PDB file of N, CA and C in Angstrom:
ATOM      1  N   MET A   1       0.842  -1.182   0.000  1.00  0.00           N
ATOM      2  CA  MET A   1       0.000   0.000   0.000  1.00  0.00           C
ATOM      3  C   MET A   1       0.885   1.243   0.000  1.00  0.00           C
ATOM      4  N   ARG A   2       0.445   2.260  -0.635  1.00  0.00           N
ATOM      5  CA  ARG A   2       1.177   3.527  -0.682  1.00  0.00           C
ATOM      6  C   ARG A   2       0.290   4.644  -0.154  1.00  0.00           C
ATOM      7  N   SER A   3       0.923   5.643   0.380  1.00  0.00           N
ATOM      8  CA  SER A   3       0.226   6.847   0.826  1.00  0.00           C
ATOM      9  C   SER A   3       0.764   8.024   0.038  1.00  0.00           C
ATOM     10  N   VAL A   4      -0.083   8.978  -0.194  1.00  0.00           N
ATOM     11  CA  VAL A   4       0.325  10.201  -0.882  1.00  0.00           C
ATOM     12  C   VAL A   4       0.412  11.299   0.166  1.00  0.00           C
ATOM     13  N   LEU A   5       1.509  12.035   0.126  1.00  0.00           N
ATOM     14  CA  LEU A   5       1.750  13.097   1.090  1.00  0.00           C
ATOM     15  C   LEU A   5       2.041  14.381   0.330  1.00  0.00           C
ATOM     16  N   SER A   6       1.333  15.412   0.656  1.00  0.00           N
ATOM     17  CA  SER A   6       1.578  16.712   0.040  1.00  0.00           C
ATOM     18  C   SER A   6       2.421  17.530   1.011  1.00  0.00           C
ATOM     19  N   VAL A   7       3.535  18.067   0.521  1.00  0.00           N
ATOM     20  CA  VAL A   7       4.458  18.803   1.382  1.00  0.00           C
ATOM     21  C   VAL A   7       4.686  20.193   0.813  1.00  0.00           C
ATOM     22  N   SER A   8       4.623  21.177   1.671  1.00  0.00           N
ATOM     23  CA  SER A   8       4.908  22.549   1.274  1.00  0.00           C
ATOM     24  C   SER A   8       6.375  22.840   1.578  1.00  0.00           C
ATOM     25  N   LEU A   9       7.111  23.302   0.567  1.00  0.00           N
ATOM     26  CA  LEU A   9       8.538  23.594   0.729  1.00  0.00           C
ATOM     27  C   LEU A   9       8.804  25.082   0.543  1.00  0.00           C
ATOM     28  N   PRO A  10       9.773  25.616   1.273  1.00  0.00           N
ATOM     29  CA  PRO A  10      10.199  26.991   0.997  1.00  0.00           C
ATOM     30  C   PRO A  10      10.747  27.061  -0.431  1.00  0.00           C
ATOM     31  N   ASP A  11      10.633  28.220  -1.052  1.00  0.00           N
ATOM     32  CA  ASP A  11      11.057  28.378  -2.447  1.00  0.00           C
ATOM     33  C   ASP A  11      12.493  27.923  -2.683  1.00  0.00           C
ATOM     34  N   LYS A  12      13.392  28.291  -1.795  1.00  0.00           N
ATOM     35  CA  LYS A  12      14.799  27.939  -1.971  1.00  0.00           C
ATOM     36  C   LYS A  12      14.995  26.419  -1.944  1.00  0.00           C
ATOM     37  N   MET A  13      14.320  25.746  -1.022  1.00  0.00           N
ATOM     38  CA  MET A  13      14.440  24.295  -0.926  1.00  0.00           C
ATOM     39  C   MET A  13      13.833  23.620  -2.157  1.00  0.00           C
ATOM     40  N   ALA A  14      12.705  24.135  -2.623  1.00  0.00           N
ATOM     41  CA  ALA A  14      12.068  23.581  -3.818  1.00  0.00           C
ATOM     42  C   ALA A  14      12.970  23.744  -5.037  1.00  0.00           C
ATOM     43  N   ALA A  15      13.614  24.895  -5.150  1.00  0.00           N
ATOM     44  CA  ALA A  15      14.521  25.134  -6.278  1.00  0.00           C
ATOM     45  C   ALA A  15      15.722  24.195  -6.207  1.00  0.00           C
ATOM     46  N   GLU A  16      16.232  23.978  -5.004  1.00  0.00           N
ATOM     47  CA  GLU A  16      17.368  23.067  -4.848  1.00  0.00           C
ATOM     48  C   GLU A  16      16.964  21.636  -5.196  1.00  0.00           C
ATOM     49  N   LEU A  17      15.775  21.240  -4.787  1.00  0.00           N
ATOM     50  CA  LEU A  17      15.265  19.912  -5.125  1.00  0.00           C
ATOM     51  C   LEU A  17      15.091  19.769  -6.632  1.00  0.00           C
ATOM     52  N   ASP A  18      14.533  20.789  -7.269  1.00  0.00           N
ATOM     53  CA  ASP A  18      14.383  20.772  -8.736  1.00  0.00           C
ATOM     54  C   ASP A  18      15.738  20.618  -9.414  1.00  0.00           C
ATOM     55  N   GLY A  19      16.715  21.375  -8.950  1.00  0.00           N
ATOM     56  CA  GLY A  19      18.055  21.310  -9.534  1.00  0.00           C
ATOM     57  C   GLY A  19      18.687  19.939  -9.357  1.00  0.00           C
ATOM     58  N   LEU A  20      18.544  19.367  -8.177  1.00  0.00           N
ATOM     59  CA  LEU A  20      19.102  18.042  -7.918  1.00  0.00           C
ATOM     60  C   LEU A  20      18.433  16.993  -8.801  1.00  0.00           C
ATOM     61  N   ALA A  21      17.132  17.105  -8.957  1.00  0.00           N
ATOM     62  CA  ALA A  21      16.411  16.161  -9.819  1.00  0.00           C
ATOM     63  C   ALA A  21      16.914  16.263 -11.256  1.00  0.00           C
ATOM     64  N   ARG A  22      17.098  17.473 -11.732  1.00  0.00           N
ATOM     65  CA  ARG A  22      17.617  17.676 -13.098  1.00  0.00           C
ATOM     66  C   ARG A  22      19.028  17.114 -13.245  1.00  0.00           C
ATOM     67  N   GLU A  23      19.890  17.445 -12.284  1.00  0.00           N
ATOM     68  CA  GLU A  23      21.295  17.019 -12.348  1.00  0.00           C
ATOM     69  C   GLU A  23      21.448  15.505 -12.304  1.00  0.00           C
ATOM     70  N   THR A  24      20.621  14.847 -11.516  1.00  0.00           N
ATOM     71  CA  THR A  24      20.770  13.406 -11.316  1.00  0.00           C
ATOM     72  C   THR A  24      19.872  12.572 -12.217  1.00  0.00           C
ATOM     73  N   GLY A  25      18.912  13.223 -12.869  1.00  0.00           N
ATOM     74  CA  GLY A  25      17.976  12.481 -13.711  1.00  0.00           C
ATOM     75  C   GLY A  25      16.962  11.674 -12.908  1.00  0.00           C
ATOM     76  N   ARG A  26      16.848  11.981 -11.643  1.00  0.00           N
ATOM     77  CA  ARG A  26      15.884  11.289 -10.777  1.00  0.00           C
ATOM     78  C   ARG A  26      14.662  12.169 -10.602  1.00  0.00           C
ATOM     79  N   ASN A  27      13.547  11.548 -10.244  1.00  0.00           N
ATOM     80  CA  ASN A  27      12.379  12.388 -10.001  1.00  0.00           C
ATOM     81  C   ASN A  27      12.376  12.861  -8.545  1.00  0.00           C
ATOM     82  N   LYS A  28      11.677  13.948  -8.316  1.00  0.00           N
ATOM     83  CA  LYS A  28      11.672  14.573  -6.990  1.00  0.00           C
ATOM     84  C   LYS A  28      11.112  13.636  -5.927  1.00  0.00           C
ATOM     85  N   SER A  29      10.116  12.871  -6.289  1.00  0.00           N
ATOM     86  CA  SER A  29       9.510  11.950  -5.334  1.00  0.00           C
ATOM     87  C   SER A  29      10.532  10.938  -4.816  1.00  0.00           C
ATOM     88  N   ASP A  30      11.342  10.387  -5.714  1.00  0.00           N
ATOM     89  CA  ASP A  30      12.359   9.418  -5.297  1.00  0.00           C
ATOM     90  C   ASP A  30      13.403  10.056  -4.390  1.00  0.00           C
ATOM     91  N   ILE A  31      13.797  11.276  -4.707  1.00  0.00           N
ATOM     92  CA  ILE A  31      14.786  11.977  -3.879  1.00  0.00           C
ATOM     93  C   ILE A  31      14.223  12.223  -2.480  1.00  0.00           C
ATOM     94  N   VAL A  32      12.980  12.670  -2.415  1.00  0.00           N
ATOM     95  CA  VAL A  32      12.355  12.942  -1.116  1.00  0.00           C
ATOM     96  C   VAL A  32      12.167  11.644  -0.332  1.00  0.00           C
ATOM     97  N   LYS A  33      11.750  10.560  -0.997  1.00  0.00           N
ATOM     98  CA  LYS A  33      11.591   9.272  -0.309  1.00  0.00           C
ATOM     99  C   LYS A  33      12.921   8.791   0.269  1.00  0.00           C
ATOM    100  N   GLU A  34      13.983   8.903  -0.519  1.00  0.00           N
ATOM    101  CA  GLU A  34      15.301   8.483  -0.038  1.00  0.00           C
ATOM    102  C   GLU A  34      15.739   9.339   1.152  1.00  0.00           C
ATOM    103  N   SER A  35      15.548  10.645   1.041  1.00  0.00           N
ATOM    104  CA  SER A  35      15.941  11.561   2.119  1.00  0.00           C
ATOM    105  C   SER A  35      15.147  11.286   3.391  1.00  0.00           C
ATOM    106  N   LEU A  36      13.851  11.076   3.254  1.00  0.00           N
ATOM    107  CA  LEU A  36      13.017  10.795   4.419  1.00  0.00           C
ATOM    108  C   LEU A  36      13.399   9.457   5.038  1.00  0.00           C
ATOM    109  N   GLY A  37      13.685   8.469   4.209  1.00  0.00           N
ATOM    110  CA  GLY A  37      14.121   7.171   4.720  1.00  0.00           C
ATOM    111  C   GLY A  37      15.394   7.290   5.536  1.00  0.00           C
ATOM    112  N   GLU A  38      16.358   8.062   5.035  1.00  0.00           N
ATOM    113  CA  GLU A  38      17.611   8.271   5.771  1.00  0.00           C
ATOM    114  C   GLU A  38      17.360   9.015   7.078  1.00  0.00           C
ATOM    115  N   PHE A  39      16.499  10.035   7.032  1.00  0.00           N
ATOM    116  CA  PHE A  39      16.171  10.797   8.236  1.00  0.00           C
ATOM    117  C   PHE A  39      15.531   9.894   9.283  1.00  0.00           C
ATOM    118  N   LEU A  40      14.572   9.061   8.866  1.00  0.00           N
ATOM    119  CA  LEU A  40      13.892   8.169   9.808  1.00  0.00           C
ATOM    120  C   LEU A  40      14.860   7.143  10.388  1.00  0.00           C
ATOM    121  N   TRP A  41      15.762   6.606   9.561  1.00  0.00           N
ATOM    122  CA  TRP A  41      16.748   5.637  10.040  1.00  0.00           C
ATOM    123  C   TRP A  41      17.663   6.286  11.080  1.00  0.00           C
ATOM    124  N   GLU A  42      18.160   7.481  10.778  1.00  0.00           N
ATOM    125  CA  GLU A  42      19.048   8.177  11.714  1.00  0.00           C
ATOM    126  C   GLU A  42      18.332   8.497  13.018  1.00  0.00           C
ATOM    127  N   ASN A  43      17.073   8.899  12.927  1.00  0.00           N
ATOM    128  CA  ASN A  43      16.294   9.207  14.120  1.00  0.00           C
ATOM    129  C   ASN A  43      16.100   7.954  14.969  1.00  0.00           C
ATOM    130  N   ARG A  44      15.774   6.842  14.333  1.00  0.00           N
ATOM    131  CA  ARG A  44      15.608   5.570  15.032  1.00  0.00           C
ATOM    132  C   ARG A  44      16.930   5.163  15.703  1.00  0.00           C
ATOM    133  N   PHE A  45      18.036   5.317  14.968  1.00  0.00           N
ATOM    134  CA  PHE A  45      19.357   4.983  15.506  1.00  0.00           C
ATOM    135  C   PHE A  45      19.664   5.815  16.749  1.00  0.00           C
ATOM    136  N   ARG A  46      19.404   7.119  16.695  1.00  0.00           N
ATOM    137  CA  ARG A  46      19.677   7.997  17.842  1.00  0.00           C
ATOM    138  C   ARG A  46      18.858   7.595  19.062  1.00  0.00           C
ATOM    139  N   ARG A  47      17.575   7.244  18.827  1.00  0.00           N
ATOM    140  CA  ARG A  47      16.719   6.838  19.950  1.00  0.00           C
ATOM    141  C   ARG A  47      17.233   5.549  20.597  1.00  0.00           C
ATOM    142  N   ILE A  48      17.634   4.583  19.761  1.00  0.00           N
ATOM    143  CA  ILE A  48      18.165   3.325  20.288  1.00  0.00           C
ATOM    144  C   ILE A  48      19.469   3.578  21.041  1.00  0.00           C
ATOM    145  N   LYS A  49      20.335   4.390  20.455  1.00  0.00           N
ATOM    146  CA  LYS A  49      21.622   4.702  21.089  1.00  0.00           C
ATOM    147  C   LYS A  49      21.405   5.381  22.445  1.00  0.00           C
ATOM    148  N   LYS A  50      20.452   6.294  22.501  1.00  0.00           N
ATOM    149  CA  LYS A  50      20.165   6.998  23.756  1.00  0.00           C
ATOM    150  C   LYS A  50      19.652   6.019  24.815  1.00  0.00           C
ATOM    151  N   ARG A  51      18.810   5.082  24.387  1.00  0.00           N
ATOM    152  CA  ARG A  51      18.250   4.111  25.320  1.00  0.00           C
ATOM    153  C   ARG A  51      19.316   3.133  25.837  1.00  0.00           C
ATOM    154  N   LEU A  52      20.248   2.751  24.962  1.00  0.00           N
ATOM    155  CA  LEU A  52      21.247   1.750  25.341  1.00  0.00           C
ATOM    156  C   LEU A  52      22.521   2.347  25.937  1.00  0.00           C
ATOM    157  N   SER A  53      22.703   3.649  25.794  1.00  0.00           N
ATOM    158  CA  SER A  53      23.926   4.301  26.257  1.00  0.00           C
ATOM    159  C   SER A  53      24.234   4.041  27.733  1.00  0.00           C
ATOM    160  N   PRO A  54      23.272   4.144  28.646  1.00  0.00           N
ATOM    161  CA  PRO A  54      23.594   3.877  30.056  1.00  0.00           C
ATOM    162  C   PRO A  54      24.092   2.444  30.285  1.00  0.00           C
ATOM    163  N   LYS A  55      23.510   1.485  29.577  1.00  0.00           N
ATOM    164  CA  LYS A  55      23.944   0.087  29.722  1.00  0.00           C
ATOM    165  C   LYS A  55      25.356  -0.088  29.177  1.00  0.00           C
ATOM    166  N   ALA A  56      25.649   0.562  28.069  1.00  0.00           N
ATOM    167  CA  ALA A  56      26.986   0.465  27.473  1.00  0.00           C
ATOM    168  C   ALA A  56      28.028   1.078  28.403  1.00  0.00           C
ATOM    169  N   LYS A  57      27.719   2.237  28.968  1.00  0.00           N
ATOM    170  CA  LYS A  57      28.664   2.888  29.889  1.00  0.00           C
ATOM    171  C   LYS A  57      28.907   2.028  31.122  1.00  0.00           C
ATOM    172  N   ALA A  58      27.855   1.386  31.611  1.00  0.00           N
ATOM    173  CA  ALA A  58      28.002   0.507  32.773  1.00  0.00           C
ATOM    174  C   ALA A  58      28.900  -0.684  32.454  1.00  0.00           C
ATOM    175  N   ALA A  59      28.933  -1.074  31.180  1.00  0.00           N
ATOM    176  CA  ALA A  59      29.774  -2.198  30.751  1.00  0.00           C
ATOM    177  C   ALA A  59      31.171  -1.742  30.352  1.00  0.00           C
ATOM    178  N   GLY A  60      31.449  -0.430  30.478  1.00  0.00           N
ATOM    179  CA  GLY A  60      32.783   0.079  30.184  1.00  0.00           C
ATOM    180  C   GLY A  60      32.966   0.633  28.782  1.00  0.00           C
ATOM    181  N   PHE A  61      31.890   0.740  28.042  1.00  0.00           N
ATOM    182  CA  PHE A  61      31.960   1.314  26.698  1.00  0.00           C
ATOM    183  C   PHE A  61      31.564   2.785  26.792  1.00  0.00           C
ATOM    184  N   ILE A  62      32.562   3.661  26.764  1.00  0.00           N
ATOM    185  CA  ILE A  62      32.310   5.084  26.942  1.00  0.00           C
ATOM    186  C   ILE A  62      32.155   5.792  25.596  1.00  0.00           C
ATOM    187  N   THR A  63      32.987   5.440  24.642  1.00  0.00           N
ATOM    188  CA  THR A  63      32.953   6.101  23.332  1.00  0.00           C
ATOM    189  C   THR A  63      32.612   5.092  22.239  1.00  0.00           C
ATOM    190  N   ASP A  64      32.282   5.610  21.063  1.00  0.00           N
ATOM    191  CA  ASP A  64      32.049   4.738  19.911  1.00  0.00           C
ATOM    192  C   ASP A  64      33.302   3.936  19.588  1.00  0.00           C
ATOM    193  N   ASP A  65      34.468   4.549  19.782  1.00  0.00           N
ATOM    194  CA  ASP A  65      35.736   3.847  19.538  1.00  0.00           C
ATOM    195  C   ASP A  65      35.879   2.622  20.442  1.00  0.00           C
ATOM    196  N   ASP A  66      35.415   2.732  21.680  1.00  0.00           N
ATOM    197  CA  ASP A  66      35.468   1.581  22.588  1.00  0.00           C
ATOM    198  C   ASP A  66      34.680   0.406  22.012  1.00  0.00           C
ATOM    199  N   ILE A  67      33.542   0.706  21.445  1.00  0.00           N
ATOM    200  CA  ILE A  67      32.697  -0.342  20.862  1.00  0.00           C
ATOM    201  C   ILE A  67      33.362  -0.932  19.631  1.00  0.00           C
ATOM    202  N   PHE A  68      33.875  -0.076  18.757  1.00  0.00           N
ATOM    203  CA  PHE A  68      34.525  -0.563  17.539  1.00  0.00           C
ATOM    204  C   PHE A  68      35.742  -1.421  17.865  1.00  0.00           C
ATOM    205  N   LYS A  69      36.498  -1.026  18.877  1.00  0.00           N
ATOM    206  CA  LYS A  69      37.670  -1.823  19.280  1.00  0.00           C
ATOM    207  C   LYS A  69      37.239  -3.197  19.789  1.00  0.00           C
ATOM    208  N   ALA A  70      36.132  -3.235  20.515  1.00  0.00           N
ATOM    209  CA  ALA A  70      35.659  -4.497  21.087  1.00  0.00           C
ATOM    210  C   ALA A  70      35.155  -5.463  20.016  1.00  0.00           C
ATOM    211  N   ILE A  71      34.609  -4.929  18.939  1.00  0.00           N
ATOM    212  CA  ILE A  71      34.061  -5.822  17.908  1.00  0.00           C
ATOM    213  C   ILE A  71      35.017  -6.060  16.756  1.00  0.00           C
ATOM    214  N   SER A  72      36.136  -5.369  16.741  1.00  0.00           N
ATOM    215  CA  SER A  72      37.095  -5.533  15.640  1.00  0.00           C
ATOM    216  C   SER A  72      38.032  -6.692  15.886  1.00  0.00           C
TER     217      SER A  72
END
């Protein structure tokens, strides 16, 4: 199933979107879908990270580097 969403953009943002669509040969809808997907993924990631951060710190993982070192 698909939903249709109407979005109002400031003129400058709309012009930039138009230009990007022209430059890349992609349609505006695909660009907006990709951008929204990335935004939602990043937002979900931040929420999970915030929720798990206290547990990670309690286990001795203070920075992202600590985690990468442990899994590398």
